Amino acid sequence: MNLSTLSQIEESINQLPVDQQLRLIERVAQHIRGHIVRKDSIEDQLAAMASDPQIQDELRKIDEEFASTETDGLEKV
């Protein structure tokens, strides 16, 4: 979003009565909190998966299965 668009949004918000501006701020804050909670939730789920012994075992099996491809001449990244 460019500066012009942000300025137009700000100008529109400034035309609202104060009570509606506050309501808008609350809704935006709730929206942002929702994104933060979802992100934290996904990161927590990934951490739980990474420490799960069954998943670790499956990853080892996959690693063993594709170990032969490590000699394909390509450099490690």
PDB file of N, CA and C in Angstrom:
ATOM      1  N   MET A   1       0.848  -1.161   0.000  1.00  0.00           N
ATOM      2  CA  MET A   1       0.000   0.000   0.000  1.00  0.00           C
ATOM      3  C   MET A   1       0.901   1.234   0.000  1.00  0.00           C
ATOM      4  N   ASN A   2       0.612   2.140  -0.890  1.00  0.00           N
ATOM      5  CA  ASN A   2       1.480   3.311  -0.997  1.00  0.00           C
ATOM      6  C   ASN A   2       1.046   4.415  -0.026  1.00  0.00           C
ATOM      7  N   LEU A   3       1.887   5.409   0.091  1.00  0.00           N
ATOM      8  CA  LEU A   3       1.675   6.496   1.047  1.00  0.00           C
ATOM      9  C   LEU A   3       0.397   7.265   0.742  1.00  0.00           C
ATOM     10  N   SER A   4       0.075   7.430  -0.532  1.00  0.00           N
ATOM     11  CA  SER A   4      -1.130   8.149  -0.930  1.00  0.00           C
ATOM     12  C   SER A   4      -2.384   7.432  -0.414  1.00  0.00           C
ATOM     13  N   THR A   5      -2.407   6.121  -0.558  1.00  0.00           N
ATOM     14  CA  THR A   5      -3.551   5.341  -0.085  1.00  0.00           C
ATOM     15  C   THR A   5      -3.682   5.438   1.430  1.00  0.00           C
ATOM     16  N   LEU A   6      -2.558   5.332   2.120  1.00  0.00           N
ATOM     17  CA  LEU A   6      -2.587   5.457   3.576  1.00  0.00           C
ATOM     18  C   LEU A   6      -3.074   6.833   4.011  1.00  0.00           C
ATOM     19  N   SER A   7      -2.649   7.855   3.298  1.00  0.00           N
ATOM     20  CA  SER A   7      -3.094   9.216   3.616  1.00  0.00           C
ATOM     21  C   SER A   7      -4.594   9.357   3.417  1.00  0.00           C
ATOM     22  N   GLN A   8      -5.120   8.755   2.356  1.00  0.00           N
ATOM     23  CA  GLN A   8      -6.563   8.807   2.099  1.00  0.00           C
ATOM     24  C   GLN A   8      -7.333   8.086   3.203  1.00  0.00           C
ATOM     25  N   ILE A   9      -6.814   6.933   3.640  1.00  0.00           N
ATOM     26  CA  ILE A   9      -7.471   6.190   4.727  1.00  0.00           C
ATOM     27  C   ILE A   9      -7.454   7.024   6.004  1.00  0.00           C
ATOM     28  N   GLU A  10      -6.306   7.618   6.299  1.00  0.00           N
ATOM     29  CA  GLU A  10      -6.197   8.440   7.505  1.00  0.00           C
ATOM     30  C   GLU A  10      -7.157   9.620   7.448  1.00  0.00           C
ATOM     31  N   GLU A  11      -7.254  10.249   6.289  1.00  0.00           N
ATOM     32  CA  GLU A  11      -8.167  11.383   6.132  1.00  0.00           C
ATOM     33  C   GLU A  11      -9.611  10.948   6.354  1.00  0.00           C
ATOM     34  N   SER A  12      -9.970   9.782   5.826  1.00  0.00           N
ATOM     35  CA  SER A  12     -11.330   9.262   6.017  1.00  0.00           C
ATOM     36  C   SER A  12     -11.605   8.966   7.487  1.00  0.00           C
ATOM     37  N   ILE A  13     -10.621   8.394   8.160  1.00  0.00           N
ATOM     38  CA  ILE A  13     -10.780   8.083   9.585  1.00  0.00           C
ATOM     39  C   ILE A  13     -10.962   9.360  10.385  1.00  0.00           C
ATOM     40  N   ASN A  14     -10.212  10.388  10.052  1.00  0.00           N
ATOM     41  CA  ASN A  14     -10.306  11.657  10.772  1.00  0.00           C
ATOM     42  C   ASN A  14     -11.677  12.305  10.615  1.00  0.00           C
ATOM     43  N   GLN A  15     -12.408  11.962   9.581  1.00  0.00           N
ATOM     44  CA  GLN A  15     -13.749  12.516   9.363  1.00  0.00           C
ATOM     45  C   GLN A  15     -14.798  11.798  10.210  1.00  0.00           C
ATOM     46  N   LEU A  16     -14.461  10.653  10.764  1.00  0.00           N
ATOM     47  CA  LEU A  16     -15.401   9.912  11.603  1.00  0.00           C
ATOM     48  C   LEU A  16     -15.504  10.567  12.974  1.00  0.00           C
ATOM     49  N   PRO A  17     -16.662  10.411  13.629  1.00  0.00           N
ATOM     50  CA  PRO A  17     -16.759  10.861  15.020  1.00  0.00           C
ATOM     51  C   PRO A  17     -15.794  10.049  15.892  1.00  0.00           C
ATOM     52  N   VAL A  18     -15.378  10.621  17.009  1.00  0.00           N
ATOM     53  CA  VAL A  18     -14.378   9.990  17.866  1.00  0.00           C
ATOM     54  C   VAL A  18     -14.812   8.600  18.321  1.00  0.00           C
ATOM     55  N   ASP A  19     -16.077   8.410  18.655  1.00  0.00           N
ATOM     56  CA  ASP A  19     -16.518   7.095  19.119  1.00  0.00           C
ATOM     57  C   ASP A  19     -16.358   6.035  18.030  1.00  0.00           C
ATOM     58  N   GLN A  20     -16.598   6.419  16.777  1.00  0.00           N
ATOM     59  CA  GLN A  20     -16.432   5.476  15.675  1.00  0.00           C
ATOM     60  C   GLN A  20     -14.947   5.237  15.394  1.00  0.00           C
ATOM     61  N   GLN A  21     -14.107   6.259  15.580  1.00  0.00           N
ATOM     62  CA  GLN A  21     -12.666   6.079  15.433  1.00  0.00           C
ATOM     63  C   GLN A  21     -12.161   5.062  16.461  1.00  0.00           C
ATOM     64  N   LEU A  22     -12.639   5.189  17.698  1.00  0.00           N
ATOM     65  CA  LEU A  22     -12.234   4.251  18.753  1.00  0.00           C
ATOM     66  C   LEU A  22     -12.706   2.835  18.431  1.00  0.00           C
ATOM     67  N   ARG A  23     -13.924   2.710  17.942  1.00  0.00           N
ATOM     68  CA  ARG A  23     -14.453   1.394  17.581  1.00  0.00           C
ATOM     69  C   ARG A  23     -13.612   0.776  16.464  1.00  0.00           C
ATOM     70  N   LEU A  24     -13.221   1.600  15.505  1.00  0.00           N
ATOM     71  CA  LEU A  24     -12.382   1.128  14.407  1.00  0.00           C
ATOM     72  C   LEU A  24     -11.017   0.672  14.919  1.00  0.00           C
ATOM     73  N   ILE A  25     -10.421   1.442  15.809  1.00  0.00           N
ATOM     74  CA  ILE A  25      -9.124   1.072  16.380  1.00  0.00           C
ATOM     75  C   ILE A  25      -9.234  -0.256  17.114  1.00  0.00           C
ATOM     76  N   GLU A  26     -10.313  -0.447  17.865  1.00  0.00           N
ATOM     77  CA  GLU A  26     -10.509  -1.711  18.590  1.00  0.00           C
ATOM     78  C   GLU A  26     -10.622  -2.884  17.626  1.00  0.00           C
ATOM     79  N   ARG A  27     -11.348  -2.693  16.538  1.00  0.00           N
ATOM     80  CA  ARG A  27     -11.508  -3.771  15.566  1.00  0.00           C
ATOM     81  C   ARG A  27     -10.184  -4.110  14.888  1.00  0.00           C
ATOM     82  N   VAL A  28      -9.412  -3.081  14.551  1.00  0.00           N
ATOM     83  CA  VAL A  28      -8.101  -3.316  13.928  1.00  0.00           C
ATOM     84  C   VAL A  28      -7.183  -4.040  14.906  1.00  0.00           C
ATOM     85  N   ALA A  29      -7.197  -3.618  16.177  1.00  0.00           N
ATOM     86  CA  ALA A  29      -6.355  -4.264  17.186  1.00  0.00           C
ATOM     87  C   ALA A  29      -6.749  -5.740  17.347  1.00  0.00           C
ATOM     88  N   GLN A  30      -8.053  -6.034  17.363  1.00  0.00           N
ATOM     89  CA  GLN A  30      -8.506  -7.424  17.466  1.00  0.00           C
ATOM     90  C   GLN A  30      -8.043  -8.231  16.263  1.00  0.00           C
ATOM     91  N   HIS A  31      -8.109  -7.620  15.108  1.00  0.00           N
ATOM     92  CA  HIS A  31      -7.674  -8.297  13.877  1.00  0.00           C
ATOM     93  C   HIS A  31      -6.181  -8.637  13.956  1.00  0.00           C
ATOM     94  N   ILE A  32      -5.385  -7.683  14.397  1.00  0.00           N
ATOM     95  CA  ILE A  32      -3.942  -7.901  14.512  1.00  0.00           C
ATOM     96  C   ILE A  32      -3.646  -8.967  15.554  1.00  0.00           C
ATOM     97  N   ARG A  33      -4.323  -8.901  16.703  1.00  0.00           N
ATOM     98  CA  ARG A  33      -4.120  -9.924  17.747  1.00  0.00           C
ATOM     99  C   ARG A  33      -4.452 -11.313  17.217  1.00  0.00           C
ATOM    100  N   GLY A  34      -5.498 -11.412  16.418  1.00  0.00           N
ATOM    101  CA  GLY A  34      -5.876 -12.692  15.833  1.00  0.00           C
ATOM    102  C   GLY A  34      -4.772 -13.263  14.967  1.00  0.00           C
ATOM    103  N   HIS A  35      -4.121 -12.408  14.194  1.00  0.00           N
ATOM    104  CA  HIS A  35      -3.004 -12.869  13.362  1.00  0.00           C
ATOM    105  C   HIS A  35      -1.833 -13.316  14.222  1.00  0.00           C
ATOM    106  N   ILE A  36      -1.553 -12.595  15.289  1.00  0.00           N
ATOM    107  CA  ILE A  36      -0.442 -12.950  16.170  1.00  0.00           C
ATOM    108  C   ILE A  36      -0.715 -14.290  16.833  1.00  0.00           C
ATOM    109  N   VAL A  37      -1.942 -14.490  17.305  1.00  0.00           N
ATOM    110  CA  VAL A  37      -2.299 -15.750  17.977  1.00  0.00           C
ATOM    111  C   VAL A  37      -2.171 -16.910  17.007  1.00  0.00           C
ATOM    112  N   ARG A  38      -2.664 -16.732  15.779  1.00  0.00           N
ATOM    113  CA  ARG A  38      -2.571 -17.815  14.786  1.00  0.00           C
ATOM    114  C   ARG A  38      -1.113 -18.128  14.471  1.00  0.00           C
ATOM    115  N   LYS A  39      -0.279 -17.101  14.341  1.00  0.00           N
ATOM    116  CA  LYS A  39       1.134 -17.327  14.041  1.00  0.00           C
ATOM    117  C   LYS A  39       1.794 -18.078  15.186  1.00  0.00           C
ATOM    118  N   ASP A  40       1.530 -17.634  16.431  1.00  0.00           N
ATOM    119  CA  ASP A  40       2.106 -18.317  17.591  1.00  0.00           C
ATOM    120  C   ASP A  40       1.619 -19.754  17.654  1.00  0.00           C
ATOM    121  N   SER A  41       0.362 -19.962  17.341  1.00  0.00           N
ATOM    122  CA  SER A  41      -0.211 -21.303  17.380  1.00  0.00           C
ATOM    123  C   SER A  41       0.490 -22.220  16.377  1.00  0.00           C
ATOM    124  N   ILE A  42       0.719 -21.729  15.185  1.00  0.00           N
ATOM    125  CA  ILE A  42       1.390 -22.530  14.160  1.00  0.00           C
ATOM    126  C   ILE A  42       2.818 -22.838  14.595  1.00  0.00           C
ATOM    127  N   GLU A  43       3.509 -21.838  15.135  1.00  0.00           N
ATOM    128  CA  GLU A  43       4.884 -22.062  15.593  1.00  0.00           C
ATOM    129  C   GLU A  43       4.918 -23.069  16.735  1.00  0.00           C
ATOM    130  N   ASP A  44       3.948 -23.002  17.639  1.00  0.00           N
ATOM    131  CA  ASP A  44       3.869 -23.977  18.734  1.00  0.00           C
ATOM    132  C   ASP A  44       3.620 -25.381  18.195  1.00  0.00           C
ATOM    133  N   GLN A  45       2.748 -25.480  17.197  1.00  0.00           N
ATOM    134  CA  GLN A  45       2.464 -26.785  16.600  1.00  0.00           C
ATOM    135  C   GLN A  45       3.700 -27.362  15.911  1.00  0.00           C
ATOM    136  N   LEU A  46       4.445 -26.505  15.210  1.00  0.00           N
ATOM    137  CA  LEU A  46       5.655 -26.974  14.547  1.00  0.00           C
ATOM    138  C   LEU A  46       6.706 -27.423  15.558  1.00  0.00           C
ATOM    139  N   ALA A  47       6.828 -26.681  16.663  1.00  0.00           N
ATOM    140  CA  ALA A  47       7.782 -27.069  17.706  1.00  0.00           C
ATOM    141  C   ALA A  47       7.382 -28.411  18.317  1.00  0.00           C
ATOM    142  N   ALA A  48       6.089 -28.610  18.530  1.00  0.00           N
ATOM    143  CA  ALA A  48       5.618 -29.877  19.087  1.00  0.00           C
ATOM    144  C   ALA A  48       5.893 -31.025  18.124  1.00  0.00           C
ATOM    145  N   MET A  49       5.676 -30.783  16.840  1.00  0.00           N
ATOM    146  CA  MET A  49       5.952 -31.817  15.848  1.00  0.00           C
ATOM    147  C   MET A  49       7.441 -32.147  15.814  1.00  0.00           C
ATOM    148  N   ALA A  50       8.286 -31.130  15.886  1.00  0.00           N
ATOM    149  CA  ALA A  50       9.733 -31.343  15.814  1.00  0.00           C
ATOM    150  C   ALA A  50      10.235 -32.165  16.990  1.00  0.00           C
ATOM    151  N   SER A  51       9.567 -32.072  18.125  1.00  0.00           N
ATOM    152  CA  SER A  51      10.019 -32.824  19.303  1.00  0.00           C
ATOM    153  C   SER A  51       9.296 -34.163  19.457  1.00  0.00           C
ATOM    154  N   ASP A  52       8.370 -34.456  18.569  1.00  0.00           N
ATOM    155  CA  ASP A  52       7.607 -35.708  18.623  1.00  0.00           C
ATOM    156  C   ASP A  52       8.493 -36.866  18.165  1.00  0.00           C
ATOM    157  N   PRO A  53       8.686 -37.901  19.013  1.00  0.00           N
ATOM    158  CA  PRO A  53       9.552 -39.037  18.649  1.00  0.00           C
ATOM    159  C   PRO A  53       9.104 -39.758  17.378  1.00  0.00           C
ATOM    160  N   GLN A  54       7.809 -39.880  17.157  1.00  0.00           N
ATOM    161  CA  GLN A  54       7.324 -40.563  15.951  1.00  0.00           C
ATOM    162  C   GLN A  54       7.680 -39.774  14.696  1.00  0.00           C
ATOM    163  N   ILE A  55       7.564 -38.472  14.774  1.00  0.00           N
ATOM    164  CA  ILE A  55       7.916 -37.643  13.620  1.00  0.00           C
ATOM    165  C   ILE A  55       9.421 -37.683  13.394  1.00  0.00           C
ATOM    166  N   GLN A  56      10.196 -37.628  14.464  1.00  0.00           N
ATOM    167  CA  GLN A  56      11.653 -37.722  14.334  1.00  0.00           C
ATOM    168  C   GLN A  56      12.038 -39.048  13.688  1.00  0.00           C
ATOM    169  N   ASP A  57      11.383 -40.126  14.090  1.00  0.00           N
ATOM    170  CA  ASP A  57      11.662 -41.445  13.509  1.00  0.00           C
ATOM    171  C   ASP A  57      11.328 -41.454  12.017  1.00  0.00           C
ATOM    172  N   GLU A  58      10.195 -40.867  11.667  1.00  0.00           N
ATOM    173  CA  GLU A  58       9.795 -40.809  10.255  1.00  0.00           C
ATOM    174  C   GLU A  58      10.796 -39.980   9.441  1.00  0.00           C
ATOM    175  N   LEU A  59      11.264 -38.880  10.004  1.00  0.00           N
ATOM    176  CA  LEU A  59      12.251 -38.049   9.314  1.00  0.00           C
ATOM    177  C   LEU A  59      13.568 -38.800   9.113  1.00  0.00           C
ATOM    178  N   ARG A  60      13.958 -39.606  10.106  1.00  0.00           N
ATOM    179  CA  ARG A  60      15.164 -40.425   9.958  1.00  0.00           C
ATOM    180  C   ARG A  60      14.994 -41.430   8.816  1.00  0.00           C
ATOM    181  N   LYS A  61      13.822 -42.040   8.738  1.00  0.00           N
ATOM    182  CA  LYS A  61      13.557 -43.004   7.665  1.00  0.00           C
ATOM    183  C   LYS A  61      13.628 -42.324   6.299  1.00  0.00           C
ATOM    184  N   ILE A  62      13.056 -41.153   6.198  1.00  0.00           N
ATOM    185  CA  ILE A  62      13.085 -40.406   4.941  1.00  0.00           C
ATOM    186  C   ILE A  62      14.526 -40.049   4.589  1.00  0.00           C
ATOM    187  N   ASP A  63      15.281 -39.617   5.584  1.00  0.00           N
ATOM    188  CA  ASP A  63      16.682 -39.264   5.371  1.00  0.00           C
ATOM    189  C   ASP A  63      17.469 -40.473   4.869  1.00  0.00           C
ATOM    190  N   GLU A  64      17.229 -41.628   5.472  1.00  0.00           N
ATOM    191  CA  GLU A  64      17.914 -42.855   5.042  1.00  0.00           C
ATOM    192  C   GLU A  64      17.510 -43.224   3.619  1.00  0.00           C
ATOM    193  N   GLU A  65      16.233 -43.074   3.312  1.00  0.00           N
ATOM    194  CA  GLU A  65      15.733 -43.427   1.988  1.00  0.00           C
ATOM    195  C   GLU A  65      16.392 -42.584   0.896  1.00  0.00           C
ATOM    196  N   PHE A  66      16.660 -41.324   1.195  1.00  0.00           N
ATOM    197  CA  PHE A  66      17.224 -40.435   0.185  1.00  0.00           C
ATOM    198  C   PHE A  66      18.719 -40.206   0.361  1.00  0.00           C
ATOM    199  N   ALA A  67      19.367 -40.974   1.222  1.00  0.00           N
ATOM    200  CA  ALA A  67      20.797 -40.806   1.465  1.00  0.00           C
ATOM    201  C   ALA A  67      21.609 -41.020   0.190  1.00  0.00           C
ATOM    202  N   SER A  68      21.165 -41.916  -0.665  1.00  0.00           N
ATOM    203  CA  SER A  68      21.914 -42.196  -1.895  1.00  0.00           C
ATOM    204  C   SER A  68      21.952 -40.988  -2.828  1.00  0.00           C
ATOM    205  N   THR A  69      21.015 -40.098  -2.705  1.00  0.00           N
ATOM    206  CA  THR A  69      20.993 -38.926  -3.589  1.00  0.00           C
ATOM    207  C   THR A  69      22.028 -37.895  -3.181  1.00  0.00           C
ATOM    208  N   GLU A  70      22.634 -38.058  -2.002  1.00  0.00           N
ATOM    209  CA  GLU A  70      23.631 -37.097  -1.548  1.00  0.00           C
ATOM    210  C   GLU A  70      24.932 -37.209  -2.349  1.00  0.00           C
ATOM    211  N   THR A  71      25.061 -38.282  -3.093  1.00  0.00           N
ATOM    212  CA  THR A  71      26.263 -38.460  -3.927  1.00  0.00           C
ATOM    213  C   THR A  71      25.989 -38.069  -5.378  1.00  0.00           C
ATOM    214  N   ASP A  72      25.017 -37.234  -5.606  1.00  0.00           N
ATOM    215  CA  ASP A  72      24.641 -36.853  -6.970  1.00  0.00           C
ATOM    216  C   ASP A  72      25.549 -35.778  -7.550  1.00  0.00           C
ATOM    217  N   GLY A  73      26.530 -35.328  -6.785  1.00  0.00           N
ATOM    218  CA  GLY A  73      27.474 -34.339  -7.291  1.00  0.00           C
ATOM    219  C   GLY A  73      27.080 -32.903  -7.049  1.00  0.00           C
ATOM    220  N   LEU A  74      25.908 -32.699  -6.528  1.00  0.00           N
ATOM    221  CA  LEU A  74      25.480 -31.345  -6.226  1.00  0.00           C
ATOM    222  C   LEU A  74      26.004 -30.927  -4.871  1.00  0.00           C
ATOM    223  N   GLU A  75      26.339 -29.639  -4.751  1.00  0.00           N
ATOM    224  CA  GLU A  75      26.852 -29.144  -3.474  1.00  0.00           C
ATOM    225  C   GLU A  75      25.710 -28.999  -2.470  1.00  0.00           C
ATOM    226  N   LYS A  76      26.067 -29.139  -1.188  1.00  0.00           N
ATOM    227  CA  LYS A  76      25.071 -28.919  -0.149  1.00  0.00           C
ATOM    228  C   LYS A  76      24.794 -27.428  -0.046  1.00  0.00           C
ATOM    229  N   VAL A  77      23.569 -27.111   0.238  1.00  0.00           N
ATOM    230  CA  VAL A  77      23.160 -25.709   0.378  1.00  0.00           C
ATOM    231  C   VAL A  77      23.232 -25.293   1.812  1.00  0.00           C
TER     232      VAL A  77
END
